[in-house]
Structures are given as C-alpha cells and as structure tokens.
Amino acid sequence: MEKIAHDITPGTIVILSEQHDLKMHHSHQEQFLGALKKHSAANGISVGMEFFRYPDQPLVDRYFAGDLPEPEFLKKLKWGSLPFDFYRAIVWFPFASGGLTAALNAPSWLTSKISKNGLEALTAEDWKAMPPGFALGNDGYYMRFKALMTDGHIPEQKVRNYFAAQSTWDDTMAWNAVRHLAARPGDVLVIIVGDFHAAYGGGLPDRIRARTNARIINISQVDLGGMSDPEKFMAVAPHPIWEARADYVWTSLEIK
C-alpha cells in the first residue's frame, strides 16, 4: 500500500471498500490514509462517507467544528448499529491532513421510497434530491445484485425496485464525490464504502467514470477467513464474466 499511496496524484478518487463489520478492514483504511499523508503530494486528503447522507453535511460540519457533541450528532444522523469506533479515526483524519469529510449518500427517505415503489413513484419534488443525469447500474451489476438478493422467491419487479435504490446510492455518491473534487481539485478523495458498491466496477466506479475524467483507483477489501484454498482463489482472481475485481485486492484473515 505504501507504493500505491506514493503513486497517487492530486485530483485522484480512491474507492476503498470494506465489509462493514470487520474491524481489520477499518484498520486497513486507517493505514492507507496514513500512507497517503506520508507520500501524497495532494493539498489535502479528504474522506467521502457512504454512511453520511449529503443533506446532513451541515450536521457533519457542526460535529467537526465542535458545535455538536458526538452522541447528539449520531442521534441526528440516525446512525445504525455499527460501532462508530470503527469510523471515528477515519472521519477525523482529513482535519490533520488539509482535507474535509464529505457526506456522499442519498437521503434515506428517498431510497426507501424507491425500494418500496420504484422510480416511477417519485414526484417532481422528489427528483430534485436525485443526482442530475441519474442512471441505473449496468446490466452486469444488476445480474450480480439479483443473484445476491434473491433465490427466485422475490418478484422480479421488487428486485428491480431494490436495484433502483442501490443505483441511487451509487450515482448519488458519484455525483457528490465529483462535486467535492471539482471544488477541491488539489485533494485526493478517499471514498469509504461497502465492497459490493465497489467490486467488479459496475456500481460506484462505473458511475464516477460517467461523471468525470479524473483518475480513479478502486481497492477492494476481501476477507478470506474460513475459506478453502479454492474459495480464496475465486475471491481474488478475475471472474470469468465480471473480470477483475478491482485495481487492487487487499485481503485479510479476520476471525470473528
């Protein structure tokens, strides 16, 4: 990771995935940010968060300014069940590195409405919260998503609604990432996101590329704990259909 960090130039977007509940993945993310700070020529190292919704950026700013105590911040943010300890050092990192922490994701009311009733349920007012030029993830991404979501018992239309919500996450994060970098072109932006959004390129990487010519580096974290040797190989080797998992695959062996 030291060499990768050394080669990352200002204006680059790095997608650094995680399995949300694996502490080792968050430790890796901290290590990578530290390597960037040591080696990168960027003006600042910024972090973009999947778990922060973009309408909540004022809350994020108040928290980092010291105007909002952490318990109140997490309550207003409607933080989920994951320990915030996993993320605290990551989201604070930019403030010692000349960058900012950006809320990237779509508001939960929007994705909830889409997952229940589809894009056609959105009103003209709802569409104002959507990323301009919104597009669904590509066909390969949908095939992987469908295989993950259903064993054949969920109606096709319901799966498509869920996928539209998933695509809204991806494209909203892409839109906000590109906006952040446009405002701070000398930064490196590291996006912290679940691995399915990142792996094989059909989700978040694809939507970022549709919006910018900026350099993108995709790092997929994979935990190999409990896998047989053939399963480990399949997890990291190029897929016969989806091809390369990412530009780099970072493995771990975490025992829960």
C-alpha atoms as a PDB file:
ATOM      1  CA  MET A   1       0.000   0.000   0.000  1.00  0.00           C
ATOM      2  CA  GLU A   2       2.943   2.360   0.560  1.00  0.00           C
ATOM      3  CA  LYS A   3       3.877   2.240  -3.134  1.00  0.00           C
ATOM      4  CA  ILE A   4       0.267   2.692  -4.237  1.00  0.00           C
ATOM      5  CA  ALA A   5      -0.082   5.707  -1.950  1.00  0.00           C
ATOM      6  CA  HIS A   6       3.180   7.164  -3.285  1.00  0.00           C
ATOM      7  CA  ASP A   7       1.871   6.988  -6.854  1.00  0.00           C
ATOM      8  CA  ILE A   8      -1.483   8.669  -6.153  1.00  0.00           C
ATOM      9  CA  THR A   9      -1.537  12.171  -7.595  1.00  0.00           C
ATOM     10  CA  PRO A  10      -3.696  15.169  -6.637  1.00  0.00           C
ATOM     11  CA  GLY A  11      -7.161  15.038  -8.169  1.00  0.00           C
ATOM     12  CA  THR A  12      -7.464  11.261  -7.770  1.00  0.00           C
ATOM     13  CA  ILE A  13     -10.529   9.489  -6.393  1.00  0.00           C
ATOM     14  CA  VAL A  14      -9.717   6.350  -4.415  1.00  0.00           C
ATOM     15  CA  ILE A  15     -12.522   3.898  -3.696  1.00  0.00           C
ATOM     16  CA  LEU A  16     -11.517   1.883  -0.631  1.00  0.00           C
ATOM     17  CA  SER A  17     -14.097  -0.763   0.170  1.00  0.00           C
ATOM     18  CA  GLU A  18     -14.941  -2.621   3.340  1.00  0.00           C
ATOM     19  CA  GLN A  19     -17.041  -5.319   4.850  1.00  0.00           C
ATOM     20  CA  HIS A  20     -18.768  -3.013   7.286  1.00  0.00           C
ATOM     21  CA  ASP A  21     -18.494  -5.167  10.397  1.00  0.00           C
ATOM     22  CA  LEU A  22     -14.842  -6.198  10.025  1.00  0.00           C
ATOM     23  CA  LYS A  23     -12.535  -4.235  12.293  1.00  0.00           C
ATOM     24  CA  MET A  24      -9.498  -5.258  10.234  1.00  0.00           C
ATOM     25  CA  HIS A  25     -10.902  -3.511   7.167  1.00  0.00           C
ATOM     26  CA  HIS A  26     -11.191  -0.259   9.090  1.00  0.00           C
ATOM     27  CA  SER A  27      -7.667  -0.704  10.395  1.00  0.00           C
ATOM     28  CA  HIS A  28      -6.522  -1.097   6.784  1.00  0.00           C
ATOM     29  CA  GLN A  29      -8.353   2.099   5.848  1.00  0.00           C
ATOM     30  CA  GLU A  30      -6.549   3.997   8.597  1.00  0.00           C
ATOM     31  CA  GLN A  31      -3.227   2.548   7.429  1.00  0.00           C
ATOM     32  CA  PHE A  32      -3.912   3.614   3.858  1.00  0.00           C
ATOM     33  CA  LEU A  33      -4.852   7.151   4.856  1.00  0.00           C
ATOM     34  CA  GLY A  34      -1.657   7.370   6.885  1.00  0.00           C
ATOM     35  CA  ALA A  35       0.373   6.226   3.889  1.00  0.00           C
ATOM     36  CA  LEU A  36      -1.311   8.859   1.718  1.00  0.00           C
ATOM     37  CA  LYS A  37      -0.474  11.574   4.219  1.00  0.00           C
ATOM     38  CA  LYS A  38       3.142  10.435   4.217  1.00  0.00           C
ATOM     39  CA  HIS A  39       3.624  10.081   0.471  1.00  0.00           C
ATOM     40  CA  SER A  40       0.997  12.049  -1.474  1.00  0.00           C
ATOM     41  CA  ALA A  41       1.643  15.495  -2.934  1.00  0.00           C
ATOM     42  CA  ALA A  42      -2.042  16.388  -2.568  1.00  0.00           C
ATOM     43  CA  ASN A  43      -3.058  19.670  -0.951  1.00  0.00           C
ATOM     44  CA  GLY A  44      -5.411  17.714   1.272  1.00  0.00           C
ATOM     45  CA  ILE A  45      -6.666  14.200   1.873  1.00  0.00           C
ATOM     46  CA  SER A  46     -10.446  14.153   2.034  1.00  0.00           C
ATOM     47  CA  VAL A  47     -12.748  11.311   3.016  1.00  0.00           C
ATOM     48  CA  GLY A  48     -16.144  10.629   1.450  1.00  0.00           C
ATOM     49  CA  MET A  49     -18.548   8.605   3.571  1.00  0.00           C
ATOM     50  CA  GLU A  50     -21.217   6.201   2.364  1.00  0.00           C
ATOM     51  CA  PHE A  51     -22.828   6.331   5.825  1.00  0.00           C
ATOM     52  CA  PHE A  52     -23.230  10.128   5.779  1.00  0.00           C
ATOM     53  CA  ARG A  53     -26.142  11.409   3.659  1.00  0.00           C
ATOM     54  CA  TYR A  54     -25.464  14.563   1.700  1.00  0.00           C
ATOM     55  CA  PRO A  55     -28.373  16.615   3.149  1.00  0.00           C
ATOM     56  CA  ASP A  56     -26.709  16.024   6.535  1.00  0.00           C
ATOM     57  CA  GLN A  57     -23.482  17.809   5.553  1.00  0.00           C
ATOM     58  CA  PRO A  58     -24.356  20.740   7.873  1.00  0.00           C
ATOM     59  CA  LEU A  59     -24.581  18.271  10.782  1.00  0.00           C
ATOM     60  CA  VAL A  60     -21.235  16.798   9.778  1.00  0.00           C
ATOM     61  CA  ASP A  61     -19.686  20.262   9.658  1.00  0.00           C
ATOM     62  CA  ARG A  62     -21.116  21.176  13.079  1.00  0.00           C
ATOM     63  CA  TYR A  63     -19.758  17.968  14.587  1.00  0.00           C
ATOM     64  CA  PHE A  64     -16.260  18.609  13.304  1.00  0.00           C
ATOM     65  CA  ALA A  65     -16.436  22.249  14.371  1.00  0.00           C
ATOM     66  CA  GLY A  66     -17.128  21.092  17.931  1.00  0.00           C
ATOM     67  CA  ASP A  67     -20.628  22.589  17.932  1.00  0.00           C
ATOM     68  CA  LEU A  68     -22.419  19.232  18.124  1.00  0.00           C
ATOM     69  CA  PRO A  69     -21.484  16.601  20.735  1.00  0.00           C
ATOM     70  CA  GLU A  70     -20.881  13.172  19.264  1.00  0.00           C
ATOM     71  CA  PRO A  71     -23.896  11.433  20.914  1.00  0.00           C
ATOM     72  CA  GLU A  72     -26.224  14.134  19.592  1.00  0.00           C
ATOM     73  CA  PHE A  73     -24.541  14.046  16.185  1.00  0.00           C
ATOM     74  CA  LEU A  74     -25.056  10.286  15.876  1.00  0.00           C
ATOM     75  CA  LYS A  75     -28.666  10.598  17.022  1.00  0.00           C
ATOM     76  CA  LYS A  76     -29.444  13.300  14.467  1.00  0.00           C
ATOM     77  CA  LEU A  77     -27.604  11.317  11.823  1.00  0.00           C
ATOM     78  CA  LYS A  78     -29.694   8.232  12.721  1.00  0.00           C
ATOM     79  CA  TRP A  79     -26.514   6.197  12.946  1.00  0.00           C
ATOM     80  CA  GLY A  80     -27.096   2.453  12.650  1.00  0.00           C
ATOM     81  CA  SER A  81     -25.921  -0.488  14.728  1.00  0.00           C
ATOM     82  CA  LEU A  82     -22.250  -0.491  13.706  1.00  0.00           C
ATOM     83  CA  PRO A  83     -19.817   0.835  16.322  1.00  0.00           C
ATOM     84  CA  PHE A  84     -18.855   4.403  15.483  1.00  0.00           C
ATOM     85  CA  ASP A  85     -15.464   3.445  16.923  1.00  0.00           C
ATOM     86  CA  PHE A  86     -14.813   1.732  13.571  1.00  0.00           C
ATOM     87  CA  TYR A  87     -15.072   5.064  11.766  1.00  0.00           C
ATOM     88  CA  ARG A  88     -14.099   7.817  14.206  1.00  0.00           C
ATOM     89  CA  ALA A  89     -10.409   7.979  13.317  1.00  0.00           C
ATOM     90  CA  ILE A  90     -11.246   7.726   9.614  1.00  0.00           C
ATOM     91  CA  VAL A  91     -13.732  10.598   9.528  1.00  0.00           C
ATOM     92  CA  TRP A  92     -11.465  12.804  11.650  1.00  0.00           C
ATOM     93  CA  PHE A  93      -8.386  12.054   9.559  1.00  0.00           C
ATOM     94  CA  PRO A  94      -8.850  14.846   6.974  1.00  0.00           C
ATOM     95  CA  PHE A  95      -8.642  17.524   9.633  1.00  0.00           C
ATOM     96  CA  ALA A  96      -4.994  16.729  10.262  1.00  0.00           C
ATOM     97  CA  SER A  97      -4.358  16.343   6.539  1.00  0.00           C
ATOM     98  CA  GLY A  98      -5.694  19.517   4.952  1.00  0.00           C
ATOM     99  CA  GLY A  99      -8.888  17.909   3.687  1.00  0.00           C
ATOM    100  CA  LEU A 100     -12.569  17.621   4.524  1.00  0.00           C
ATOM    101  CA  THR A 101     -15.019  14.848   5.319  1.00  0.00           C
ATOM    102  CA  ALA A 102     -17.862  14.746   2.806  1.00  0.00           C
ATOM    103  CA  ALA A 103     -21.338  13.276   3.191  1.00  0.00           C
ATOM    104  CA  LEU A 104     -21.945  11.467  -0.094  1.00  0.00           C
ATOM    105  CA  ASN A 105     -25.025   9.288   0.083  1.00  0.00           C
ATOM    106  CA  ALA A 106     -28.683   9.803  -0.778  1.00  0.00           C
ATOM    107  CA  PRO A 107     -31.238  10.657   1.912  1.00  0.00           C
ATOM    108  CA  SER A 108     -32.815   7.557   3.424  1.00  0.00           C
ATOM    109  CA  TRP A 109     -36.381   8.710   2.756  1.00  0.00           C
ATOM    110  CA  LEU A 110     -35.571   8.782  -0.955  1.00  0.00           C
ATOM    111  CA  THR A 111     -34.022   5.325  -1.242  1.00  0.00           C
ATOM    112  CA  SER A 112     -36.758   3.899   0.982  1.00  0.00           C
ATOM    113  CA  LYS A 113     -39.441   5.261  -1.334  1.00  0.00           C
ATOM    114  CA  ILE A 114     -37.668   3.871  -4.387  1.00  0.00           C
ATOM    115  CA  SER A 115     -37.112   0.426  -2.862  1.00  0.00           C
ATOM    116  CA  LYS A 116     -40.795   0.164  -1.942  1.00  0.00           C
ATOM    117  CA  ASN A 117     -42.443   1.569  -5.047  1.00  0.00           C
ATOM    118  CA  GLY A 118     -39.816   2.161  -7.736  1.00  0.00           C
ATOM    119  CA  LEU A 119     -38.558   5.251  -9.507  1.00  0.00           C
ATOM    120  CA  GLU A 120     -41.972   5.835 -11.023  1.00  0.00           C
ATOM    121  CA  ALA A 121     -43.290   6.683  -7.545  1.00  0.00           C
ATOM    122  CA  LEU A 122     -41.039   9.742  -7.303  1.00  0.00           C
ATOM    123  CA  THR A 123     -42.677  13.136  -7.607  1.00  0.00           C
ATOM    124  CA  ALA A 124     -41.170  16.123  -9.367  1.00  0.00           C
ATOM    125  CA  GLU A 125     -40.143  17.405  -5.943  1.00  0.00           C
ATOM    126  CA  ASP A 126     -38.528  14.059  -5.083  1.00  0.00           C
ATOM    127  CA  TRP A 127     -36.450  14.169  -8.257  1.00  0.00           C
ATOM    128  CA  LYS A 128     -34.803  17.363  -7.031  1.00  0.00           C
ATOM    129  CA  ALA A 129     -32.967  15.211  -4.468  1.00  0.00           C
ATOM    130  CA  MET A 130     -31.720  12.819  -7.164  1.00  0.00           C
ATOM    131  CA  PRO A 131     -28.341  13.237  -8.847  1.00  0.00           C
ATOM    132  CA  PRO A 132     -28.556  15.075 -12.190  1.00  0.00           C
ATOM    133  CA  GLY A 133     -28.322  12.674 -15.118  1.00  0.00           C
ATOM    134  CA  PHE A 134     -29.184   9.695 -12.919  1.00  0.00           C
ATOM    135  CA  ALA A 135     -28.690   6.267 -14.464  1.00  0.00           C
ATOM    136  CA  LEU A 136     -29.150   2.728 -13.210  1.00  0.00           C
ATOM    137  CA  GLY A 137     -26.150   0.477 -12.741  1.00  0.00           C
ATOM    138  CA  ASN A 138     -25.142  -1.577 -15.766  1.00  0.00           C
ATOM    139  CA  ASP A 139     -26.548  -4.986 -16.702  1.00  0.00           C
ATOM    140  CA  GLY A 140     -23.698  -6.946 -15.173  1.00  0.00           C
ATOM    141  CA  TYR A 141     -24.149  -5.107 -11.883  1.00  0.00           C
ATOM    142  CA  TYR A 142     -27.851  -5.928 -11.951  1.00  0.00           C
ATOM    143  CA  MET A 143     -27.119  -9.608 -12.548  1.00  0.00           C
ATOM    144  CA  ARG A 144     -24.774  -9.718  -9.552  1.00  0.00           C
ATOM    145  CA  PHE A 145     -27.254  -7.795  -7.435  1.00  0.00           C
ATOM    146  CA  LYS A 146     -30.110 -10.106  -8.376  1.00  0.00           C
ATOM    147  CA  ALA A 147     -28.030 -13.173  -7.519  1.00  0.00           C
ATOM    148  CA  LEU A 148     -27.227 -11.651  -4.134  1.00  0.00           C
ATOM    149  CA  MET A 149     -30.773 -10.571  -3.329  1.00  0.00           C
ATOM    150  CA  THR A 150     -32.922 -13.494  -4.344  1.00  0.00           C
ATOM    151  CA  ASP A 151     -33.112 -17.230  -4.725  1.00  0.00           C
ATOM    152  CA  GLY A 152     -36.103 -16.866  -7.013  1.00  0.00           C
ATOM    153  CA  HIS A 153     -38.767 -16.141  -4.394  1.00  0.00           C
ATOM    154  CA  ILE A 154     -38.710 -12.344  -4.641  1.00  0.00           C
ATOM    155  CA  PRO A 155     -40.775 -10.969  -7.549  1.00  0.00           C
ATOM    156  CA  GLU A 156     -38.711  -9.520 -10.382  1.00  0.00           C
ATOM    157  CA  GLN A 157     -40.273  -6.070 -10.044  1.00  0.00           C
ATOM    158  CA  LYS A 158     -39.381  -5.946  -6.369  1.00  0.00           C
ATOM    159  CA  VAL A 159     -35.780  -6.840  -7.162  1.00  0.00           C
ATOM    160  CA  ARG A 160     -35.730  -4.068  -9.764  1.00  0.00           C
ATOM    161  CA  ASN A 161     -37.020  -1.580  -7.202  1.00  0.00           C
ATOM    162  CA  TYR A 162     -34.287  -2.610  -4.776  1.00  0.00           C
ATOM    163  CA  PHE A 163     -31.737  -2.271  -7.551  1.00  0.00           C
ATOM    164  CA  ALA A 164     -33.014   1.201  -8.405  1.00  0.00           C
ATOM    165  CA  ALA A 165     -32.442   2.167  -4.769  1.00  0.00           C
ATOM    166  CA  GLN A 166     -28.959   0.618  -4.867  1.00  0.00           C
ATOM    167  CA  SER A 167     -28.201   2.535  -8.060  1.00  0.00           C
ATOM    168  CA  THR A 168     -29.437   5.726  -6.421  1.00  0.00           C
ATOM    169  CA  TRP A 169     -26.868   5.202  -3.669  1.00  0.00           C
ATOM    170  CA  ASP A 170     -24.116   4.674  -6.227  1.00  0.00           C
ATOM    171  CA  ASP A 171     -24.947   7.561  -8.515  1.00  0.00           C
ATOM    172  CA  THR A 172     -25.589   9.975  -5.650  1.00  0.00           C
ATOM    173  CA  MET A 173     -22.224   9.113  -4.105  1.00  0.00           C
ATOM    174  CA  ALA A 174     -20.573   9.513  -7.507  1.00  0.00           C
ATOM    175  CA  TRP A 175     -22.222  12.892  -8.091  1.00  0.00           C
ATOM    176  CA  ASN A 176     -21.195  14.225  -4.695  1.00  0.00           C
ATOM    177  CA  ALA A 177     -17.665  12.838  -4.994  1.00  0.00           C
ATOM    178  CA  VAL A 178     -17.187  14.618  -8.312  1.00  0.00           C
ATOM    179  CA  ARG A 179     -18.644  17.830  -6.898  1.00  0.00           C
ATOM    180  CA  HIS A 180     -16.256  17.652  -3.956  1.00  0.00           C
ATOM    181  CA  LEU A 181     -13.239  17.178  -6.178  1.00  0.00           C
ATOM    182  CA  ALA A 182     -14.350  19.974  -8.504  1.00  0.00           C
ATOM    183  CA  ALA A 183     -14.354  22.315  -5.505  1.00  0.00           C
ATOM    184  CA  ARG A 184     -11.028  20.965  -4.202  1.00  0.00           C
ATOM    185  CA  PRO A 185      -9.061  19.784  -7.269  1.00  0.00           C
ATOM    186  CA  GLY A 186      -5.792  19.552  -5.377  1.00  0.00           C
ATOM    187  CA  ASP A 187      -7.148  16.947  -2.969  1.00  0.00           C
ATOM    188  CA  VAL A 188      -7.159  13.186  -3.041  1.00  0.00           C
ATOM    189  CA  LEU A 189     -10.642  11.927  -2.152  1.00  0.00           C
ATOM    190  CA  VAL A 190     -10.872   8.517  -0.463  1.00  0.00           C
ATOM    191  CA  ILE A 191     -14.380   7.045  -0.541  1.00  0.00           C
ATOM    192  CA  ILE A 192     -15.218   4.630   2.285  1.00  0.00           C
ATOM    193  CA  VAL A 193     -17.916   2.281   1.022  1.00  0.00           C
ATOM    194  CA  GLY A 194     -19.249  -1.261   1.236  1.00  0.00           C
ATOM    195  CA  ASP A 195     -17.494  -3.700  -1.066  1.00  0.00           C
ATOM    196  CA  PHE A 196     -20.486  -4.605  -3.236  1.00  0.00           C
ATOM    197  CA  HIS A 197     -20.686  -0.981  -4.395  1.00  0.00           C
ATOM    198  CA  ALA A 198     -17.044  -1.171  -5.476  1.00  0.00           C
ATOM    199  CA  ALA A 199     -16.257  -4.717  -6.616  1.00  0.00           C
ATOM    200  CA  TYR A 200     -16.107  -5.505 -10.342  1.00  0.00           C
ATOM    201  CA  GLY A 201     -16.678  -1.874 -11.243  1.00  0.00           C
ATOM    202  CA  GLY A 202     -20.349  -1.917 -12.194  1.00  0.00           C
ATOM    203  CA  GLY A 203     -21.593   0.197  -9.317  1.00  0.00           C
ATOM    204  CA  LEU A 204     -19.824   3.218  -7.864  1.00  0.00           C
ATOM    205  CA  PRO A 205     -16.689   3.146 -10.078  1.00  0.00           C
ATOM    206  CA  ASP A 206     -18.822   2.995 -13.218  1.00  0.00           C
ATOM    207  CA  ARG A 207     -20.982   5.922 -12.134  1.00  0.00           C
ATOM    208  CA  ILE A 208     -17.969   8.059 -11.188  1.00  0.00           C
ATOM    209  CA  ARG A 209     -16.395   7.410 -14.600  1.00  0.00           C
ATOM    210  CA  ALA A 210     -19.638   8.543 -16.236  1.00  0.00           C
ATOM    211  CA  ARG A 211     -19.273  11.901 -14.480  1.00  0.00           C
ATOM    212  CA  THR A 212     -15.568  12.733 -14.614  1.00  0.00           C
ATOM    213  CA  ASN A 213     -12.284  12.084 -16.365  1.00  0.00           C
ATOM    214  CA  ALA A 214     -10.464  12.139 -13.028  1.00  0.00           C
ATOM    215  CA  ARG A 215      -8.185   9.247 -12.198  1.00  0.00           C
ATOM    216  CA  ILE A 216      -9.983   6.543 -10.205  1.00  0.00           C
ATOM    217  CA  ILE A 217      -8.292   3.817  -8.186  1.00  0.00           C
ATOM    218  CA  ASN A 218     -10.511   1.006  -6.925  1.00  0.00           C
ATOM    219  CA  ILE A 219      -9.284  -1.030  -3.937  1.00  0.00           C
ATOM    220  CA  SER A 220     -11.486  -3.960  -2.929  1.00  0.00           C
ATOM    221  CA  GLN A 221     -11.053  -5.459   0.529  1.00  0.00           C
ATOM    222  CA  VAL A 222     -11.814  -9.170   0.818  1.00  0.00           C
ATOM    223  CA  ASP A 223     -11.748 -11.218   3.990  1.00  0.00           C
ATOM    224  CA  LEU A 224     -10.579 -14.781   3.351  1.00  0.00           C
ATOM    225  CA  GLY A 225     -11.242 -16.077   6.849  1.00  0.00           C
ATOM    226  CA  GLY A 226     -12.897 -19.500   6.856  1.00  0.00           C
ATOM    227  CA  MET A 227     -12.441 -20.048   3.114  1.00  0.00           C
ATOM    228  CA  SER A 228     -10.908 -23.099   1.496  1.00  0.00           C
ATOM    229  CA  ASP A 229      -7.947 -22.561  -0.830  1.00  0.00           C
ATOM    230  CA  PRO A 230     -10.141 -22.819  -3.967  1.00  0.00           C
ATOM    231  CA  GLU A 231     -12.601 -20.322  -2.461  1.00  0.00           C
ATOM    232  CA  LYS A 232      -9.764 -17.918  -1.681  1.00  0.00           C
ATOM    233  CA  PHE A 233      -8.559 -18.118  -5.267  1.00  0.00           C
ATOM    234  CA  MET A 234     -12.049 -17.482  -6.632  1.00  0.00           C
ATOM    235  CA  ALA A 235     -12.495 -14.496  -4.318  1.00  0.00           C
ATOM    236  CA  VAL A 236      -9.443 -12.647  -5.618  1.00  0.00           C
ATOM    237  CA  ALA A 237      -8.890 -13.932  -9.169  1.00  0.00           C
ATOM    238  CA  PRO A 238     -10.560 -12.260 -12.173  1.00  0.00           C
ATOM    239  CA  HIS A 239     -14.092 -13.574 -12.647  1.00  0.00           C
ATOM    240  CA  PRO A 240     -14.832 -15.308 -15.971  1.00  0.00           C
ATOM    241  CA  ILE A 241     -17.741 -12.916 -16.570  1.00  0.00           C
ATOM    242  CA  TRP A 242     -17.154  -9.844 -14.380  1.00  0.00           C
ATOM    243  CA  GLU A 243     -13.365  -9.855 -14.945  1.00  0.00           C
ATOM    244  CA  ALA A 244     -11.075  -8.057 -12.457  1.00  0.00           C
ATOM    245  CA  ARG A 245     -12.488  -7.466  -9.006  1.00  0.00           C
ATOM    246  CA  ALA A 246     -10.701  -4.108  -8.697  1.00  0.00           C
ATOM    247  CA  ASP A 247      -7.436  -2.373  -9.498  1.00  0.00           C
ATOM    248  CA  TYR A 248      -6.096  -3.809  -6.247  1.00  0.00           C
ATOM    249  CA  VAL A 249      -7.425  -6.502  -3.911  1.00  0.00           C
ATOM    250  CA  TRP A 250      -6.473  -6.184  -0.244  1.00  0.00           C
ATOM    251  CA  THR A 251      -7.005  -9.404   1.680  1.00  0.00           C
ATOM    252  CA  SER A 252      -7.447 -10.095   5.362  1.00  0.00           C
ATOM    253  CA  LEU A 253      -7.945 -13.119   7.592  1.00  0.00           C
ATOM    254  CA  GLU A 254     -10.209 -11.944  10.380  1.00  0.00           C
ATOM    255  CA  ILE A 255     -11.612 -14.385  12.908  1.00  0.00           C
ATOM    256  CA  LYS A 256     -14.867 -13.084  14.352  1.00  0.00           C
END
